[in-house]
Amino acid sequence: HTMLEELSCNLTEQNLYRCVDFGHIWGPAVELAASPPIPHGFAVNQDMAYCVYLSYRGGSLTWEEACRVWHCMDRLGLPRSHTYYLDPSLMHPTLMKM
């Protein structure tokens, strides 16, 4: 799907879970909670890295596929982790919305 295809039938955003939101589950909260602040793109990448891990744990990705994504992130110099993801009290509210 292109972003236009994904959003064109959801103009009132009744469905908040869209393909274009990859990286925007926890990323915005990490971006706001981080001190010092982190750039939006870094927060989105960290979110994607965590989602890749969850996809591996859930059986949607193989370990090799997950590593391939993480290696690409590393080669691009993008951070893959933040202490936010280790704090269940910060992760839980977002998980409950899923």
N, C-alpha and C. Protein backbone atom coordinates (compact mmCIF):
# COMPACT_ATOMS: atom_id res chain seq x y z
N HIS A 1 0.82 -1.20 0.00
CA HIS A 1 0.00 0.00 0.00
C HIS A 1 0.86 1.25 0.00
N THR A 2 0.41 2.23 -0.74
CA THR A 2 1.04 3.55 -0.62
C THR A 2 0.32 4.30 0.50
N MET A 3 0.92 5.37 0.97
CA MET A 3 0.30 6.15 2.03
C MET A 3 -1.05 6.68 1.57
N LEU A 4 -1.14 7.13 0.32
CA LEU A 4 -2.40 7.64 -0.21
C LEU A 4 -3.48 6.57 -0.20
N GLU A 5 -3.14 5.37 -0.64
CA GLU A 5 -4.12 4.26 -0.63
C GLU A 5 -4.55 3.94 0.80
N GLU A 6 -3.61 3.94 1.70
CA GLU A 6 -3.89 3.59 3.09
C GLU A 6 -4.82 4.60 3.75
N LEU A 7 -4.62 5.87 3.47
CA LEU A 7 -5.37 6.92 4.16
C LEU A 7 -6.62 7.38 3.44
N SER A 8 -6.73 7.13 2.14
CA SER A 8 -7.85 7.67 1.37
C SER A 8 -9.20 7.16 1.83
N CYS A 9 -9.28 5.96 2.32
CA CYS A 9 -10.57 5.42 2.79
C CYS A 9 -10.75 5.62 4.29
N ASN A 10 -9.87 6.40 4.90
CA ASN A 10 -9.92 6.61 6.34
C ASN A 10 -9.70 8.10 6.65
N LEU A 11 -10.39 8.96 5.91
CA LEU A 11 -10.16 10.39 6.04
C LEU A 11 -10.50 10.94 7.42
N THR A 12 -11.44 10.31 8.10
CA THR A 12 -11.80 10.78 9.44
C THR A 12 -10.98 10.07 10.52
N GLU A 13 -10.05 9.25 10.10
CA GLU A 13 -9.14 8.52 10.98
C GLU A 13 -9.87 7.74 12.07
N GLN A 14 -10.90 7.01 11.66
CA GLN A 14 -11.61 6.14 12.59
C GLN A 14 -10.75 4.93 12.97
N ASN A 15 -9.91 4.49 12.02
CA ASN A 15 -8.99 3.38 12.28
C ASN A 15 -7.61 3.99 12.48
N LEU A 16 -7.09 3.93 13.71
CA LEU A 16 -5.82 4.56 14.01
C LEU A 16 -4.62 3.64 13.78
N TYR A 17 -4.86 2.37 13.46
CA TYR A 17 -3.78 1.43 13.22
C TYR A 17 -3.61 1.23 11.73
N ARG A 18 -2.63 1.93 11.18
CA ARG A 18 -2.41 1.92 9.75
C ARG A 18 -0.97 1.52 9.47
N CYS A 19 -0.72 1.01 8.27
CA CYS A 19 0.64 0.64 7.88
C CYS A 19 1.59 1.83 7.99
N VAL A 20 1.11 3.01 7.68
CA VAL A 20 1.98 4.19 7.70
C VAL A 20 2.38 4.58 9.12
N ASP A 21 1.80 3.94 10.11
CA ASP A 21 2.12 4.26 11.50
C ASP A 21 3.28 3.44 12.05
N PHE A 22 3.91 2.60 11.22
CA PHE A 22 5.04 1.82 11.69
C PHE A 22 6.09 2.77 12.25
N GLY A 23 6.47 2.53 13.48
CA GLY A 23 7.42 3.41 14.16
C GLY A 23 6.76 4.47 15.01
N HIS A 24 5.41 4.50 15.01
CA HIS A 24 4.69 5.53 15.75
C HIS A 24 3.79 4.94 16.84
N ILE A 25 4.14 3.76 17.34
CA ILE A 25 3.38 3.19 18.45
C ILE A 25 3.92 3.79 19.75
N TRP A 26 5.20 3.61 19.99
CA TRP A 26 5.84 4.16 21.18
C TRP A 26 6.75 5.34 20.86
N GLY A 27 7.17 5.47 19.60
CA GLY A 27 8.12 6.51 19.22
C GLY A 27 7.77 7.91 19.70
N PRO A 28 6.54 8.38 19.47
CA PRO A 28 6.20 9.73 19.94
C PRO A 28 6.29 9.88 21.46
N ALA A 29 5.91 8.86 22.20
CA ALA A 29 5.99 8.94 23.66
C ALA A 29 7.45 8.96 24.12
N VAL A 30 8.30 8.16 23.46
CA VAL A 30 9.72 8.16 23.78
C VAL A 30 10.31 9.53 23.48
N GLU A 31 9.94 10.07 22.36
CA GLU A 31 10.43 11.39 21.94
C GLU A 31 10.09 12.45 22.99
N LEU A 32 8.88 12.41 23.52
CA LEU A 32 8.44 13.41 24.51
C LEU A 32 9.01 13.15 25.89
N ALA A 33 9.21 11.86 26.24
CA ALA A 33 9.67 11.52 27.58
C ALA A 33 11.18 11.63 27.73
N ALA A 34 11.91 11.54 26.65
CA ALA A 34 13.36 11.50 26.71
C ALA A 34 13.95 12.81 27.23
N SER A 35 14.95 12.65 28.06
CA SER A 35 15.68 13.81 28.56
C SER A 35 17.16 13.45 28.57
N PRO A 36 17.95 14.08 27.75
CA PRO A 36 17.61 15.16 26.83
C PRO A 36 16.75 14.66 25.68
N PRO A 37 16.07 15.58 25.00
CA PRO A 37 15.19 15.19 23.89
C PRO A 37 15.96 14.45 22.78
N ILE A 38 15.26 13.54 22.13
CA ILE A 38 15.86 12.84 20.99
C ILE A 38 15.11 13.22 19.73
N PRO A 39 15.78 13.22 18.59
CA PRO A 39 15.11 13.58 17.33
C PRO A 39 13.99 12.60 17.00
N HIS A 40 12.97 13.10 16.33
CA HIS A 40 11.80 12.30 15.96
C HIS A 40 12.21 11.04 15.20
N GLY A 41 13.08 11.17 14.22
CA GLY A 41 13.50 10.02 13.42
C GLY A 41 14.17 8.95 14.25
N PHE A 42 14.95 9.34 15.26
CA PHE A 42 15.59 8.35 16.13
C PHE A 42 14.54 7.62 16.95
N ALA A 43 13.55 8.36 17.47
CA ALA A 43 12.49 7.75 18.26
C ALA A 43 11.68 6.76 17.41
N VAL A 44 11.40 7.13 16.17
CA VAL A 44 10.66 6.25 15.26
C VAL A 44 11.47 4.99 14.99
N ASN A 45 12.78 5.14 14.76
CA ASN A 45 13.61 3.97 14.49
C ASN A 45 13.66 3.03 15.70
N GLN A 46 13.76 3.59 16.89
CA GLN A 46 13.77 2.77 18.10
C GLN A 46 12.46 1.99 18.22
N ASP A 47 11.36 2.64 17.91
CA ASP A 47 10.05 1.99 17.92
C ASP A 47 10.04 0.84 16.92
N MET A 48 10.54 1.09 15.71
CA MET A 48 10.56 0.04 14.69
C MET A 48 11.44 -1.13 15.13
N ALA A 49 12.58 -0.83 15.74
CA ALA A 49 13.47 -1.89 16.22
C ALA A 49 12.77 -2.75 17.27
N TYR A 50 12.03 -2.11 18.15
CA TYR A 50 11.30 -2.86 19.18
C TYR A 50 10.18 -3.69 18.55
N CYS A 51 9.48 -3.13 17.58
CA CYS A 51 8.42 -3.87 16.89
C CYS A 51 8.98 -5.07 16.13
N VAL A 52 10.18 -4.93 15.59
CA VAL A 52 10.83 -6.06 14.92
C VAL A 52 11.07 -7.18 15.94
N TYR A 53 11.53 -6.79 17.12
CA TYR A 53 11.74 -7.79 18.18
C TYR A 53 10.41 -8.47 18.56
N LEU A 54 9.37 -7.68 18.73
CA LEU A 54 8.06 -8.26 19.07
C LEU A 54 7.56 -9.17 17.96
N SER A 55 7.82 -8.80 16.72
CA SER A 55 7.42 -9.63 15.58
C SER A 55 8.18 -10.94 15.57
N TYR A 56 9.46 -10.88 15.92
CA TYR A 56 10.24 -12.12 16.04
C TYR A 56 9.67 -12.99 17.16
N ARG A 57 9.45 -12.39 18.33
CA ARG A 57 8.92 -13.16 19.47
C ARG A 57 7.54 -13.74 19.18
N GLY A 58 6.76 -13.02 18.39
CA GLY A 58 5.42 -13.48 18.05
C GLY A 58 5.38 -14.46 16.89
N GLY A 59 6.52 -14.71 16.27
CA GLY A 59 6.59 -15.68 15.19
C GLY A 59 6.34 -15.13 13.80
N SER A 60 6.21 -13.81 13.67
CA SER A 60 5.98 -13.22 12.35
C SER A 60 7.27 -13.04 11.55
N LEU A 61 8.39 -12.96 12.25
CA LEU A 61 9.71 -12.83 11.61
C LEU A 61 10.63 -13.91 12.15
N THR A 62 11.52 -14.39 11.31
CA THR A 62 12.56 -15.30 11.78
C THR A 62 13.66 -14.47 12.43
N TRP A 63 14.54 -15.13 13.17
CA TRP A 63 15.66 -14.43 13.80
C TRP A 63 16.53 -13.78 12.72
N GLU A 64 16.74 -14.49 11.62
CA GLU A 64 17.56 -13.96 10.53
C GLU A 64 16.93 -12.71 9.92
N GLU A 65 15.61 -12.70 9.76
CA GLU A 65 14.92 -11.53 9.22
C GLU A 65 15.03 -10.34 10.18
N ALA A 66 14.86 -10.60 11.46
CA ALA A 66 14.98 -9.53 12.46
C ALA A 66 16.40 -8.96 12.44
N CYS A 67 17.38 -9.83 12.42
CA CYS A 67 18.78 -9.38 12.40
C CYS A 67 19.08 -8.56 11.15
N ARG A 68 18.48 -8.94 10.05
CA ARG A 68 18.69 -8.20 8.80
C ARG A 68 18.21 -6.76 8.94
N VAL A 69 17.03 -6.58 9.56
CA VAL A 69 16.50 -5.22 9.78
C VAL A 69 17.42 -4.46 10.73
N TRP A 70 17.81 -5.09 11.84
CA TRP A 70 18.66 -4.41 12.82
C TRP A 70 20.02 -4.04 12.24
N HIS A 71 20.59 -4.92 11.43
CA HIS A 71 21.89 -4.62 10.80
C HIS A 71 21.77 -3.43 9.86
N CYS A 72 20.65 -3.34 9.16
CA CYS A 72 20.42 -2.19 8.27
C CYS A 72 20.37 -0.91 9.10
N MET A 73 19.66 -0.94 10.22
CA MET A 73 19.58 0.23 11.09
C MET A 73 20.97 0.62 11.60
N ASP A 74 21.75 -0.41 11.97
CA ASP A 74 23.10 -0.15 12.46
C ASP A 74 23.97 0.47 11.38
N ARG A 75 23.89 -0.05 10.17
CA ARG A 75 24.69 0.49 9.07
C ARG A 75 24.34 1.95 8.77
N LEU A 76 23.08 2.31 9.02
CA LEU A 76 22.65 3.69 8.80
C LEU A 76 22.97 4.60 9.99
N GLY A 77 23.49 4.01 11.07
CA GLY A 77 23.85 4.80 12.24
C GLY A 77 22.66 5.23 13.08
N LEU A 78 21.57 4.46 13.00
CA LEU A 78 20.36 4.82 13.74
C LEU A 78 20.31 4.06 15.07
N PRO A 79 19.95 4.75 16.15
CA PRO A 79 19.87 4.07 17.46
C PRO A 79 18.68 3.11 17.50
N ARG A 80 18.91 1.95 18.14
CA ARG A 80 17.86 0.94 18.19
C ARG A 80 17.25 0.77 19.58
N SER A 81 17.72 1.48 20.57
CA SER A 81 17.19 1.25 21.91
C SER A 81 17.13 2.55 22.71
N HIS A 82 16.31 2.49 23.73
CA HIS A 82 16.18 3.59 24.68
C HIS A 82 15.71 2.97 25.99
N THR A 83 16.09 3.54 27.10
CA THR A 83 15.70 2.97 28.40
C THR A 83 14.18 2.95 28.59
N TYR A 84 13.47 3.77 27.85
CA TYR A 84 12.00 3.79 27.91
C TYR A 84 11.42 2.39 27.71
N TYR A 85 12.02 1.64 26.79
CA TYR A 85 11.49 0.31 26.45
C TYR A 85 11.72 -0.71 27.55
N LEU A 86 12.49 -0.35 28.56
CA LEU A 86 12.75 -1.24 29.69
C LEU A 86 11.84 -0.95 30.87
N ASP A 87 11.02 0.08 30.77
CA ASP A 87 10.15 0.50 31.87
C ASP A 87 8.71 0.11 31.58
N PRO A 88 8.22 -0.99 32.19
CA PRO A 88 6.85 -1.45 31.93
C PRO A 88 5.78 -0.40 32.22
N SER A 89 6.00 0.48 33.18
CA SER A 89 4.98 1.49 33.50
C SER A 89 4.81 2.48 32.35
N LEU A 90 5.84 2.68 31.56
CA LEU A 90 5.74 3.56 30.41
C LEU A 90 5.19 2.84 29.18
N MET A 91 5.51 1.55 29.05
CA MET A 91 5.07 0.77 27.90
C MET A 91 3.61 0.33 28.04
N HIS A 92 3.19 0.03 29.23
CA HIS A 92 1.87 -0.55 29.47
C HIS A 92 0.70 0.25 28.91
N PRO A 93 0.63 1.57 29.12
CA PRO A 93 -0.53 2.31 28.59
C PRO A 93 -0.70 2.16 27.08
N THR A 94 0.38 2.16 26.35
CA THR A 94 0.28 2.00 24.90
C THR A 94 -0.13 0.58 24.53
N LEU A 95 0.42 -0.39 25.24
CA LEU A 95 0.06 -1.78 24.97
C LEU A 95 -1.42 -2.02 25.20
N MET A 96 -2.01 -1.37 26.19
CA MET A 96 -3.42 -1.58 26.52
C MET A 96 -4.33 -1.01 25.43
N LYS A 97 -3.84 -0.10 24.61
CA LYS A 97 -4.64 0.47 23.52
C LYS A 97 -4.66 -0.43 22.29
N MET A 98 -3.76 -1.40 22.26
CA MET A 98 -3.64 -2.25 21.07
C MET A 98 -4.67 -3.35 21.05
